[in-house]
Amino acid sequence: MTTSKIELFVELDENRVPEKLRWSAEDGGVNGVEAKAFLLSVWDHEAQNALRIDLWTKDMPVDQMKMFFYQTLMAMSDTYLRATQDEKMSDTMKDFCEYFYEKLELKK
């Protein structure tokens, strides 16, 4: 059996607010790359509950956070389709994403 490791590094200020975020995934050729936000969900099958880590640096601009959420929601609709083959709901999720995009007045 082989294993693969993904690491998240969080540098905190004196108030324990994230100042710097970095991540590494050796198998993907990523080593200590800086990020401004992480959204990580893990499924606890025993508790039937999603666990989350949501972090962003204090200097991440709000407009970038909005775009980050839009792109993440779009990616989740693709992942949902791959995981469930439920095209109808995936399309519905994408419709919401487009609505979200319009309401935030984002520019691609």
PDB file of N, CA and C in Angstrom:
ATOM      1  N   MET A   1       0.845  -1.178   0.000  1.00  0.00           N
ATOM      2  CA  MET A   1       0.000   0.000   0.000  1.00  0.00           C
ATOM      3  C   MET A   1       0.893   1.244   0.000  1.00  0.00           C
ATOM      4  N   THR A   2       0.497   2.252  -0.753  1.00  0.00           N
ATOM      5  CA  THR A   2       1.214   3.518  -0.752  1.00  0.00           C
ATOM      6  C   THR A   2       0.370   4.567  -0.044  1.00  0.00           C
ATOM      7  N   THR A   3       1.035   5.583   0.401  1.00  0.00           N
ATOM      8  CA  THR A   3       0.327   6.701   1.038  1.00  0.00           C
ATOM      9  C   THR A   3       0.755   8.000   0.384  1.00  0.00           C
ATOM     10  N   SER A   4      -0.064   8.998   0.561  1.00  0.00           N
ATOM     11  CA  SER A   4       0.208  10.326   0.043  1.00  0.00           C
ATOM     12  C   SER A   4      -0.151  11.315   1.141  1.00  0.00           C
ATOM     13  N   LYS A   5       0.625  12.380   1.249  1.00  0.00           N
ATOM     14  CA  LYS A   5       0.388  13.339   2.320  1.00  0.00           C
ATOM     15  C   LYS A   5       0.127  14.721   1.745  1.00  0.00           C
ATOM     16  N   ILE A   6      -0.899  15.379   2.288  1.00  0.00           N
ATOM     17  CA  ILE A   6      -1.201  16.772   2.000  1.00  0.00           C
ATOM     18  C   ILE A   6      -1.088  17.512   3.316  1.00  0.00           C
ATOM     19  N   GLU A   7      -0.302  18.583   3.333  1.00  0.00           N
ATOM     20  CA  GLU A   7      -0.087  19.326   4.573  1.00  0.00           C
ATOM     21  C   GLU A   7      -0.555  20.768   4.433  1.00  0.00           C
ATOM     22  N   LEU A   8      -1.152  21.281   5.496  1.00  0.00           N
ATOM     23  CA  LEU A   8      -1.561  22.669   5.596  1.00  0.00           C
ATOM     24  C   LEU A   8      -0.755  23.316   6.711  1.00  0.00           C
ATOM     25  N   PHE A   9      -0.201  24.486   6.433  1.00  0.00           N
ATOM     26  CA  PHE A   9       0.596  25.215   7.418  1.00  0.00           C
ATOM     27  C   PHE A   9      -0.075  26.552   7.679  1.00  0.00           C
ATOM     28  N   VAL A  10      -0.258  26.860   8.949  1.00  0.00           N
ATOM     29  CA  VAL A  10      -0.943  28.092   9.337  1.00  0.00           C
ATOM     30  C   VAL A  10      -0.037  28.881  10.268  1.00  0.00           C
ATOM     31  N   GLU A  11       0.309  30.100   9.857  1.00  0.00           N
ATOM     32  CA  GLU A  11       1.106  31.004  10.683  1.00  0.00           C
ATOM     33  C   GLU A  11       0.148  32.016  11.306  1.00  0.00           C
ATOM     34  N   LEU A  12       0.139  32.078  12.637  1.00  0.00           N
ATOM     35  CA  LEU A  12      -0.809  32.922  13.356  1.00  0.00           C
ATOM     36  C   LEU A  12      -0.139  34.161  13.934  1.00  0.00           C
ATOM     37  N   ASP A  13      -0.922  35.236  14.078  1.00  0.00           N
ATOM     38  CA  ASP A  13      -0.411  36.418  14.762  1.00  0.00           C
ATOM     39  C   ASP A  13      -0.597  36.231  16.277  1.00  0.00           C
ATOM     40  N   GLU A  14      -0.308  37.266  17.025  1.00  0.00           N
ATOM     41  CA  GLU A  14      -0.402  37.172  18.490  1.00  0.00           C
ATOM     42  C   GLU A  14      -1.826  36.928  18.988  1.00  0.00           C
ATOM     43  N   ASN A  15      -2.827  37.218  18.166  1.00  0.00           N
ATOM     44  CA  ASN A  15      -4.225  36.972  18.527  1.00  0.00           C
ATOM     45  C   ASN A  15      -4.760  35.662  17.934  1.00  0.00           C
ATOM     46  N   ARG A  16      -3.860  34.861  17.395  1.00  0.00           N
ATOM     47  CA  ARG A  16      -4.189  33.563  16.788  1.00  0.00           C
ATOM     48  C   ARG A  16      -5.044  33.695  15.531  1.00  0.00           C
ATOM     49  N   VAL A  17      -4.877  34.814  14.826  1.00  0.00           N
ATOM     50  CA  VAL A  17      -5.536  35.048  13.544  1.00  0.00           C
ATOM     51  C   VAL A  17      -4.545  34.669  12.447  1.00  0.00           C
ATOM     52  N   PRO A  18      -4.984  33.896  11.441  1.00  0.00           N
ATOM     53  CA  PRO A  18      -4.052  33.485  10.384  1.00  0.00           C
ATOM     54  C   PRO A  18      -3.438  34.679   9.644  1.00  0.00           C
ATOM     55  N   GLU A  19      -2.108  34.668   9.590  1.00  0.00           N
ATOM     56  CA  GLU A  19      -1.366  35.681   8.826  1.00  0.00           C
ATOM     57  C   GLU A  19      -0.873  35.113   7.511  1.00  0.00           C
ATOM     58  N   LYS A  20      -0.415  33.867   7.553  1.00  0.00           N
ATOM     59  CA  LYS A  20       0.085  33.208   6.349  1.00  0.00           C
ATOM     60  C   LYS A  20      -0.425  31.778   6.325  1.00  0.00           C
ATOM     61  N   LEU A  21      -0.796  31.354   5.133  1.00  0.00           N
ATOM     62  CA  LEU A  21      -1.209  29.980   4.902  1.00  0.00           C
ATOM     63  C   LEU A  21      -0.342  29.413   3.783  1.00  0.00           C
ATOM     64  N   ARG A  22       0.098  28.189   3.979  1.00  0.00           N
ATOM     65  CA  ARG A  22       0.865  27.491   2.945  1.00  0.00           C
ATOM     66  C   ARG A  22       0.375  26.049   2.910  1.00  0.00           C
ATOM     67  N   TRP A  23       0.596  25.407   1.759  1.00  0.00           N
ATOM     68  CA  TRP A  23       0.232  24.001   1.656  1.00  0.00           C
ATOM     69  C   TRP A  23       1.247  23.248   0.821  1.00  0.00           C
ATOM     70  N   SER A  24       1.329  21.949   1.072  1.00  0.00           N
ATOM     71  CA  SER A  24       2.242  21.071   0.345  1.00  0.00           C
ATOM     72  C   SER A  24       1.527  19.770   0.007  1.00  0.00           C
ATOM     73  N   ALA A  25       1.813  19.279  -1.175  1.00  0.00           N
ATOM     74  CA  ALA A  25       1.328  17.974  -1.639  1.00  0.00           C
ATOM     75  C   ALA A  25       2.415  17.426  -2.554  1.00  0.00           C
ATOM     76  N   GLU A  26       3.341  16.690  -1.972  1.00  0.00           N
ATOM     77  CA  GLU A  26       4.514  16.232  -2.716  1.00  0.00           C
ATOM     78  C   GLU A  26       4.153  15.485  -3.996  1.00  0.00           C
ATOM     79  N   ASP A  27       3.126  14.632  -3.938  1.00  0.00           N
ATOM     80  CA  ASP A  27       2.744  13.862  -5.136  1.00  0.00           C
ATOM     81  C   ASP A  27       2.268  14.767  -6.264  1.00  0.00           C
ATOM     82  N   GLY A  28       1.776  15.953  -5.916  1.00  0.00           N
ATOM     83  CA  GLY A  28       1.302  16.904  -6.919  1.00  0.00           C
ATOM     84  C   GLY A  28       2.349  17.947  -7.269  1.00  0.00           C
ATOM     85  N   GLY A  29       3.543  17.823  -6.710  1.00  0.00           N
ATOM     86  CA  GLY A  29       4.610  18.779  -7.000  1.00  0.00           C
ATOM     87  C   GLY A  29       4.425  20.128  -6.323  1.00  0.00           C
ATOM     88  N   VAL A  30       3.665  20.157  -5.243  1.00  0.00           N
ATOM     89  CA  VAL A  30       3.400  21.401  -4.514  1.00  0.00           C
ATOM     90  C   VAL A  30       4.181  21.356  -3.211  1.00  0.00           C
ATOM     91  N   ASN A  31       5.002  22.400  -2.976  1.00  0.00           N
ATOM     92  CA  ASN A  31       5.811  22.406  -1.762  1.00  0.00           C
ATOM     93  C   ASN A  31       5.806  23.794  -1.132  1.00  0.00           C
ATOM     94  N   GLY A  32       5.040  23.955  -0.081  1.00  0.00           N
ATOM     95  CA  GLY A  32       5.019  25.207   0.669  1.00  0.00           C
ATOM     96  C   GLY A  32       4.472  26.389  -0.106  1.00  0.00           C
ATOM     97  N   VAL A  33       3.481  26.157  -0.964  1.00  0.00           N
ATOM     98  CA  VAL A  33       2.903  27.221  -1.773  1.00  0.00           C
ATOM     99  C   VAL A  33       1.964  28.059  -0.908  1.00  0.00           C
ATOM    100  N   GLU A  34       2.092  29.384  -1.030  1.00  0.00           N
ATOM    101  CA  GLU A  34       1.268  30.284  -0.244  1.00  0.00           C
ATOM    102  C   GLU A  34      -0.162  30.311  -0.771  1.00  0.00           C
ATOM    103  N   ALA A  35      -1.099  30.411   0.156  1.00  0.00           N
ATOM    104  CA  ALA A  35      -2.518  30.541  -0.168  1.00  0.00           C
ATOM    105  C   ALA A  35      -3.090  31.635   0.723  1.00  0.00           C
ATOM    106  N   LYS A  36      -4.219  32.177   0.338  1.00  0.00           N
ATOM    107  CA  LYS A  36      -4.896  33.183   1.158  1.00  0.00           C
ATOM    108  C   LYS A  36      -6.100  32.606   1.882  1.00  0.00           C
ATOM    109  N   ALA A  37      -6.563  31.403   1.470  1.00  0.00           N
ATOM    110  CA  ALA A  37      -7.715  30.785   2.124  1.00  0.00           C
ATOM    111  C   ALA A  37      -7.684  29.276   1.915  1.00  0.00           C
ATOM    112  N   PHE A  38      -8.255  28.553   2.889  1.00  0.00           N
ATOM    113  CA  PHE A  38      -8.466  27.111   2.816  1.00  0.00           C
ATOM    114  C   PHE A  38      -9.912  26.830   3.185  1.00  0.00           C
ATOM    115  N   LEU A  39     -10.558  25.960   2.451  1.00  0.00           N
ATOM    116  CA  LEU A  39     -11.842  25.396   2.842  1.00  0.00           C
ATOM    117  C   LEU A  39     -11.673  23.887   2.722  1.00  0.00           C
ATOM    118  N   LEU A  40     -11.745  23.189   3.834  1.00  0.00           N
ATOM    119  CA  LEU A  40     -11.539  21.744   3.838  1.00  0.00           C
ATOM    120  C   LEU A  40     -12.719  21.083   4.528  1.00  0.00           C
ATOM    121  N   SER A  41     -13.330  20.115   3.855  1.00  0.00           N
ATOM    122  CA  SER A  41     -14.426  19.346   4.437  1.00  0.00           C
ATOM    123  C   SER A  41     -14.013  17.886   4.515  1.00  0.00           C
ATOM    124  N   VAL A  42     -14.342  17.265   5.638  1.00  0.00           N
ATOM    125  CA  VAL A  42     -14.032  15.859   5.864  1.00  0.00           C
ATOM    126  C   VAL A  42     -15.308  15.171   6.335  1.00  0.00           C
ATOM    127  N   TRP A  43     -15.631  14.021   5.769  1.00  0.00           N
ATOM    128  CA  TRP A  43     -16.833  13.296   6.154  1.00  0.00           C
ATOM    129  C   TRP A  43     -16.514  12.297   7.271  1.00  0.00           C
ATOM    130  N   ASP A  44     -17.179  12.453   8.402  1.00  0.00           N
ATOM    131  CA  ASP A  44     -17.082  11.504   9.518  1.00  0.00           C
ATOM    132  C   ASP A  44     -18.206  10.492   9.326  1.00  0.00           C
ATOM    133  N   HIS A  45     -17.856   9.313   8.802  1.00  0.00           N
ATOM    134  CA  HIS A  45     -18.887   8.327   8.464  1.00  0.00           C
ATOM    135  C   HIS A  45     -19.596   7.761   9.692  1.00  0.00           C
ATOM    136  N   GLU A  46     -18.912   7.694  10.823  1.00  0.00           N
ATOM    137  CA  GLU A  46     -19.554   7.164  12.026  1.00  0.00           C
ATOM    138  C   GLU A  46     -20.595   8.130  12.576  1.00  0.00           C
ATOM    139  N   ALA A  47     -20.264   9.412  12.628  1.00  0.00           N
ATOM    140  CA  ALA A  47     -21.203  10.416  13.143  1.00  0.00           C
ATOM    141  C   ALA A  47     -22.152  10.912  12.052  1.00  0.00           C
ATOM    142  N   GLN A  48     -21.876  10.518  10.787  1.00  0.00           N
ATOM    143  CA  GLN A  48     -22.670  10.989   9.647  1.00  0.00           C
ATOM    144  C   GLN A  48     -22.722  12.516   9.639  1.00  0.00           C
ATOM    145  N   ASN A  49     -21.516  13.098   9.698  1.00  0.00           N
ATOM    146  CA  ASN A  49     -21.405  14.537   9.871  1.00  0.00           C
ATOM    147  C   ASN A  49     -20.196  15.059   9.089  1.00  0.00           C
ATOM    148  N   ALA A  50     -20.370  16.225   8.475  1.00  0.00           N
ATOM    149  CA  ALA A  50     -19.251  16.876   7.790  1.00  0.00           C
ATOM    150  C   ALA A  50     -18.490  17.745   8.796  1.00  0.00           C
ATOM    151  N   LEU A  51     -17.186  17.603   8.792  1.00  0.00           N
ATOM    152  CA  LEU A  51     -16.305  18.409   9.633  1.00  0.00           C
ATOM    153  C   LEU A  51     -15.584  19.388   8.725  1.00  0.00           C
ATOM    154  N   ARG A  52     -15.307  20.593   9.225  1.00  0.00           N
ATOM    155  CA  ARG A  52     -14.736  21.623   8.344  1.00  0.00           C
ATOM    156  C   ARG A  52     -13.581  22.362   9.002  1.00  0.00           C
ATOM    157  N   ILE A  53     -12.700  22.823   8.147  1.00  0.00           N
ATOM    158  CA  ILE A  53     -11.693  23.810   8.511  1.00  0.00           C
ATOM    159  C   ILE A  53     -11.832  24.934   7.489  1.00  0.00           C
ATOM    160  N   ASP A  54     -12.198  26.107   7.955  1.00  0.00           N
ATOM    161  CA  ASP A  54     -12.353  27.284   7.097  1.00  0.00           C
ATOM    162  C   ASP A  54     -11.406  28.356   7.626  1.00  0.00           C
ATOM    163  N   LEU A  55     -10.361  28.635   6.878  1.00  0.00           N
ATOM    164  CA  LEU A  55      -9.378  29.637   7.299  1.00  0.00           C
ATOM    165  C   LEU A  55      -9.062  30.581   6.152  1.00  0.00           C
ATOM    166  N   TRP A  56      -8.826  31.830   6.484  1.00  0.00           N
ATOM    167  CA  TRP A  56      -8.339  32.797   5.511  1.00  0.00           C
ATOM    168  C   TRP A  56      -7.477  33.804   6.241  1.00  0.00           C
ATOM    169  N   THR A  57      -6.546  34.383   5.500  1.00  0.00           N
ATOM    170  CA  THR A  57      -5.644  35.354   6.112  1.00  0.00           C
ATOM    171  C   THR A  57      -6.362  36.678   6.309  1.00  0.00           C
ATOM    172  N   LYS A  58      -5.882  37.429   7.277  1.00  0.00           N
ATOM    173  CA  LYS A  58      -6.539  38.698   7.590  1.00  0.00           C
ATOM    174  C   LYS A  58      -6.375  39.725   6.485  1.00  0.00           C
ATOM    175  N   ASP A  59      -5.447  39.493   5.561  1.00  0.00           N
ATOM    176  CA  ASP A  59      -5.260  40.453   4.465  1.00  0.00           C
ATOM    177  C   ASP A  59      -5.890  39.998   3.147  1.00  0.00           C
ATOM    178  N   MET A  60      -6.713  38.943   3.187  1.00  0.00           N
ATOM    179  CA  MET A  60      -7.373  38.511   1.948  1.00  0.00           C
ATOM    180  C   MET A  60      -8.462  39.518   1.595  1.00  0.00           C
ATOM    181  N   PRO A  61      -8.387  40.098   0.396  1.00  0.00           N
ATOM    182  CA  PRO A  61      -9.403  41.072  -0.019  1.00  0.00           C
ATOM    183  C   PRO A  61     -10.785  40.433  -0.171  1.00  0.00           C
ATOM    184  N   VAL A  62     -11.808  41.175   0.184  1.00  0.00           N
ATOM    185  CA  VAL A  62     -13.184  40.677   0.116  1.00  0.00           C
ATOM    186  C   VAL A  62     -13.567  40.292  -1.306  1.00  0.00           C
ATOM    187  N   ASP A  63     -13.139  41.061  -2.305  1.00  0.00           N
ATOM    188  CA  ASP A  63     -13.497  40.715  -3.682  1.00  0.00           C
ATOM    189  C   ASP A  63     -12.895  39.369  -4.092  1.00  0.00           C
ATOM    190  N   GLN A  64     -11.691  39.072  -3.610  1.00  0.00           N
ATOM    191  CA  GLN A  64     -11.090  37.773  -3.899  1.00  0.00           C
ATOM    192  C   GLN A  64     -11.806  36.656  -3.141  1.00  0.00           C
ATOM    193  N   MET A  65     -12.271  36.939  -1.918  1.00  0.00           N
ATOM    194  CA  MET A  65     -13.027  35.939  -1.156  1.00  0.00           C
ATOM    195  C   MET A  65     -14.326  35.597  -1.882  1.00  0.00           C
ATOM    196  N   LYS A  66     -14.988  36.612  -2.437  1.00  0.00           N
ATOM    197  CA  LYS A  66     -16.225  36.370  -3.184  1.00  0.00           C
ATOM    198  C   LYS A  66     -15.967  35.482  -4.397  1.00  0.00           C
ATOM    199  N   MET A  67     -14.899  35.759  -5.134  1.00  0.00           N
ATOM    200  CA  MET A  67     -14.551  34.950  -6.299  1.00  0.00           C
ATOM    201  C   MET A  67     -14.157  33.535  -5.877  1.00  0.00           C
ATOM    202  N   PHE A  68     -13.446  33.430  -4.766  1.00  0.00           N
ATOM    203  CA  PHE A  68     -13.053  32.131  -4.228  1.00  0.00           C
ATOM    204  C   PHE A  68     -14.288  31.283  -3.931  1.00  0.00           C
ATOM    205  N   PHE A  69     -15.289  31.877  -3.304  1.00  0.00           N
ATOM    206  CA  PHE A  69     -16.520  31.145  -3.012  1.00  0.00           C
ATOM    207  C   PHE A  69     -17.244  30.744  -4.290  1.00  0.00           C
ATOM    208  N   TYR A  70     -17.348  31.655  -5.237  1.00  0.00           N
ATOM    209  CA  TYR A  70     -18.002  31.335  -6.507  1.00  0.00           C
ATOM    210  C   TYR A  70     -17.314  30.141  -7.178  1.00  0.00           C
ATOM    211  N   GLN A  71     -15.991  30.206  -7.299  1.00  0.00           N
ATOM    212  CA  GLN A  71     -15.260  29.134  -7.963  1.00  0.00           C
ATOM    213  C   GLN A  71     -15.360  27.821  -7.186  1.00  0.00           C
ATOM    214  N   THR A  72     -15.362  27.908  -5.861  1.00  0.00           N
ATOM    215  CA  THR A  72     -15.491  26.709  -5.033  1.00  0.00           C
ATOM    216  C   THR A  72     -16.861  26.079  -5.207  1.00  0.00           C
ATOM    217  N   LEU A  73     -17.910  26.896  -5.227  1.00  0.00           N
ATOM    218  CA  LEU A  73     -19.260  26.369  -5.430  1.00  0.00           C
ATOM    219  C   LEU A  73     -19.394  25.709  -6.805  1.00  0.00           C
ATOM    220  N   MET A  74     -18.806  26.319  -7.837  1.00  0.00           N
ATOM    221  CA  MET A  74     -18.840  25.723  -9.175  1.00  0.00           C
ATOM    222  C   MET A  74     -18.112  24.370  -9.179  1.00  0.00           C
ATOM    223  N   ALA A  75     -16.957  24.325  -8.535  1.00  0.00           N
ATOM    224  CA  ALA A  75     -16.196  23.075  -8.470  1.00  0.00           C
ATOM    225  C   ALA A  75     -16.968  22.007  -7.700  1.00  0.00           C
ATOM    226  N   MET A  76     -17.677  22.418  -6.654  1.00  0.00           N
ATOM    227  CA  MET A  76     -18.472  21.458  -5.880  1.00  0.00           C
ATOM    228  C   MET A  76     -19.597  20.867  -6.724  1.00  0.00           C
ATOM    229  N   SER A  77     -20.178  21.669  -7.608  1.00  0.00           N
ATOM    230  CA  SER A  77     -21.240  21.122  -8.467  1.00  0.00           C
ATOM    231  C   SER A  77     -20.664  20.076  -9.427  1.00  0.00           C
ATOM    232  N   ASP A  78     -19.442  20.299  -9.911  1.00  0.00           N
ATOM    233  CA  ASP A  78     -18.776  19.300 -10.761  1.00  0.00           C
ATOM    234  C   ASP A  78     -18.447  18.036  -9.966  1.00  0.00           C
ATOM    235  N   THR A  79     -17.947  18.225  -8.756  1.00  0.00           N
ATOM    236  CA  THR A  79     -17.617  17.082  -7.898  1.00  0.00           C
ATOM    237  C   THR A  79     -18.876  16.294  -7.551  1.00  0.00           C
ATOM    238  N   TYR A  80     -19.949  17.009  -7.262  1.00  0.00           N
ATOM    239  CA  TYR A  80     -21.228  16.351  -6.962  1.00  0.00           C
ATOM    240  C   TYR A  80     -21.665  15.476  -8.134  1.00  0.00           C
ATOM    241  N   LEU A  81     -21.533  15.996  -9.348  1.00  0.00           N
ATOM    242  CA  LEU A  81     -21.905  15.228 -10.533  1.00  0.00           C
ATOM    243  C   LEU A  81     -21.046  13.972 -10.670  1.00  0.00           C
ATOM    244  N   ARG A  82     -19.735  14.116 -10.503  1.00  0.00           N
ATOM    245  CA  ARG A  82     -18.849  12.949 -10.601  1.00  0.00           C
ATOM    246  C   ARG A  82     -19.158  11.908  -9.532  1.00  0.00           C
ATOM    247  N   ALA A  83     -19.529  12.365  -8.341  1.00  0.00           N
ATOM    248  CA  ALA A  83     -19.774  11.448  -7.222  1.00  0.00           C
ATOM    249  C   ALA A  83     -21.138  10.776  -7.283  1.00  0.00           C
ATOM    250  N   THR A  84     -22.131  11.450  -7.877  1.00  0.00           N
ATOM    251  CA  THR A  84     -23.506  10.941  -7.822  1.00  0.00           C
ATOM    252  C   THR A  84     -24.129  10.646  -9.180  1.00  0.00           C
ATOM    253  N   GLN A  85     -23.567  11.179 -10.250  1.00  0.00           N
ATOM    254  CA  GLN A  85     -24.132  11.111 -11.600  1.00  0.00           C
ATOM    255  C   GLN A  85     -25.527  11.755 -11.666  1.00  0.00           C
ATOM    256  N   ASP A  86     -25.816  12.650 -10.744  1.00  0.00           N
ATOM    257  CA  ASP A  86     -27.102  13.345 -10.685  1.00  0.00           C
ATOM    258  C   ASP A  86     -26.982  14.661 -11.462  1.00  0.00           C
ATOM    259  N   GLU A  87     -27.189  14.579 -12.781  1.00  0.00           N
ATOM    260  CA  GLU A  87     -27.024  15.753 -13.644  1.00  0.00           C
ATOM    261  C   GLU A  87     -28.025  16.855 -13.327  1.00  0.00           C
ATOM    262  N   LYS A  88     -29.252  16.464 -13.031  1.00  0.00           N
ATOM    263  CA  LYS A  88     -30.291  17.451 -12.771  1.00  0.00           C
ATOM    264  C   LYS A  88     -29.916  18.339 -11.579  1.00  0.00           C
ATOM    265  N   MET A  89     -29.481  17.743 -10.482  1.00  0.00           N
ATOM    266  CA  MET A  89     -29.130  18.535  -9.306  1.00  0.00           C
ATOM    267  C   MET A  89     -27.835  19.307  -9.533  1.00  0.00           C
ATOM    268  N   SER A  90     -26.885  18.725 -10.258  1.00  0.00           N
ATOM    269  CA  SER A  90     -25.652  19.436 -10.572  1.00  0.00           C
ATOM    270  C   SER A  90     -25.964  20.686 -11.393  1.00  0.00           C
ATOM    271  N   ASP A  91     -26.858  20.559 -12.361  1.00  0.00           N
ATOM    272  CA  ASP A  91     -27.261  21.714 -13.166  1.00  0.00           C
ATOM    273  C   ASP A  91     -27.964  22.767 -12.300  1.00  0.00           C
ATOM    274  N   THR A  92     -28.774  22.307 -11.356  1.00  0.00           N
ATOM    275  CA  THR A  92     -29.453  23.225 -10.445  1.00  0.00           C
ATOM    276  C   THR A  92     -28.435  23.979  -9.588  1.00  0.00           C
ATOM    277  N   MET A  93     -27.417  23.266  -9.135  1.00  0.00           N
ATOM    278  CA  MET A  93     -26.362  23.914  -8.351  1.00  0.00           C
ATOM    279  C   MET A  93     -25.632  24.957  -9.200  1.00  0.00           C
ATOM    280  N   LYS A  94     -25.368  24.638 -10.449  1.00  0.00           N
ATOM    281  CA  LYS A  94     -24.691  25.592 -11.329  1.00  0.00           C
ATOM    282  C   LYS A  94     -25.564  26.805 -11.613  1.00  0.00           C
ATOM    283  N   ASP A  95     -26.876  26.589 -11.730  1.00  0.00           N
ATOM    284  CA  ASP A  95     -27.796  27.721 -11.886  1.00  0.00           C
ATOM    285  C   ASP A  95     -27.686  28.657 -10.687  1.00  0.00           C
ATOM    286  N   PHE A  96     -27.635  28.076  -9.485  1.00  0.00           N
ATOM    287  CA  PHE A  96     -27.461  28.899  -8.290  1.00  0.00           C
ATOM    288  C   PHE A  96     -26.132  29.649  -8.340  1.00  0.00           C
ATOM    289  N   CYS A  97     -25.082  28.974  -8.773  1.00  0.00           N
ATOM    290  CA  CYS A  97     -23.765  29.614  -8.855  1.00  0.00           C
ATOM    291  C   CYS A  97     -23.799  30.824  -9.786  1.00  0.00           C
ATOM    292  N   GLU A  98     -24.487  30.704 -10.891  1.00  0.00           N
ATOM    293  CA  GLU A  98     -24.600  31.836 -11.813  1.00  0.00           C
ATOM    294  C   GLU A  98     -25.396  32.975 -11.179  1.00  0.00           C
ATOM    295  N   TYR A  99     -26.446  32.629 -10.445  1.00  0.00           N
ATOM    296  CA  TYR A  99     -27.224  33.630  -9.697  1.00  0.00           C
ATOM    297  C   TYR A  99     -26.334  34.324  -8.663  1.00  0.00           C
ATOM    298  N   PHE A 100     -25.564  33.541  -7.938  1.00  0.00           N
ATOM    299  CA  PHE A 100     -24.617  34.036  -6.931  1.00  0.00           C
ATOM    300  C   PHE A 100     -23.631  35.013  -7.583  1.00  0.00           C
ATOM    301  N   TYR A 101     -23.097  34.604  -8.730  1.00  0.00           N
ATOM    302  CA  TYR A 101     -22.137  35.411  -9.482  1.00  0.00           C
ATOM    303  C   TYR A 101     -22.750  36.759  -9.881  1.00  0.00           C
ATOM    304  N   GLU A 102     -23.965  36.702 -10.418  1.00  0.00           N
ATOM    305  CA  GLU A 102     -24.660  37.936 -10.827  1.00  0.00           C
ATOM    306  C   GLU A 102     -24.926  38.852  -9.648  1.00  0.00           C
ATOM    307  N   LYS A 103     -25.411  38.302  -8.553  1.00  0.00           N
ATOM    308  CA  LYS A 103     -25.760  39.117  -7.383  1.00  0.00           C
ATOM    309  C   LYS A 103     -24.530  39.770  -6.754  1.00  0.00           C
ATOM    310  N   LEU A 104     -23.386  39.103  -6.837  1.00  0.00           N
ATOM    311  CA  LEU A 104     -22.151  39.670  -6.296  1.00  0.00           C
ATOM    312  C   LEU A 104     -21.484  40.635  -7.268  1.00  0.00           C
ATOM    313  N   GLU A 105     -22.022  40.673  -8.492  1.00  0.00           N
ATOM    314  CA  GLU A 105     -21.481  41.528  -9.543  1.00  0.00           C
ATOM    315  C   GLU A 105     -19.985  41.281  -9.748  1.00  0.00           C
ATOM    316  N   LEU A 106     -19.637  39.997  -9.869  1.00  0.00           N
ATOM    317  CA  LEU A 106     -18.249  39.596 -10.076  1.00  0.00           C
ATOM    318  C   LEU A 106     -17.868  39.738 -11.548  1.00  0.00           C
ATOM    319  N   LYS A 107     -16.594  39.919 -11.799  1.00  0.00           N
ATOM    320  CA  LYS A 107     -16.089  39.974 -13.169  1.00  0.00           C
ATOM    321  C   LYS A 107     -15.148  38.808 -13.360  1.00  0.00           C
ATOM    322  N   LYS A 108     -15.381  38.056 -14.425  1.00  0.00           N
ATOM    323  CA  LYS A 108     -14.518  36.884 -14.687  1.00  0.00           C
ATOM    324  C   LYS A 108     -13.181  37.314 -15.233  1.00  0.00           C
TER     325      LYS A 108
END
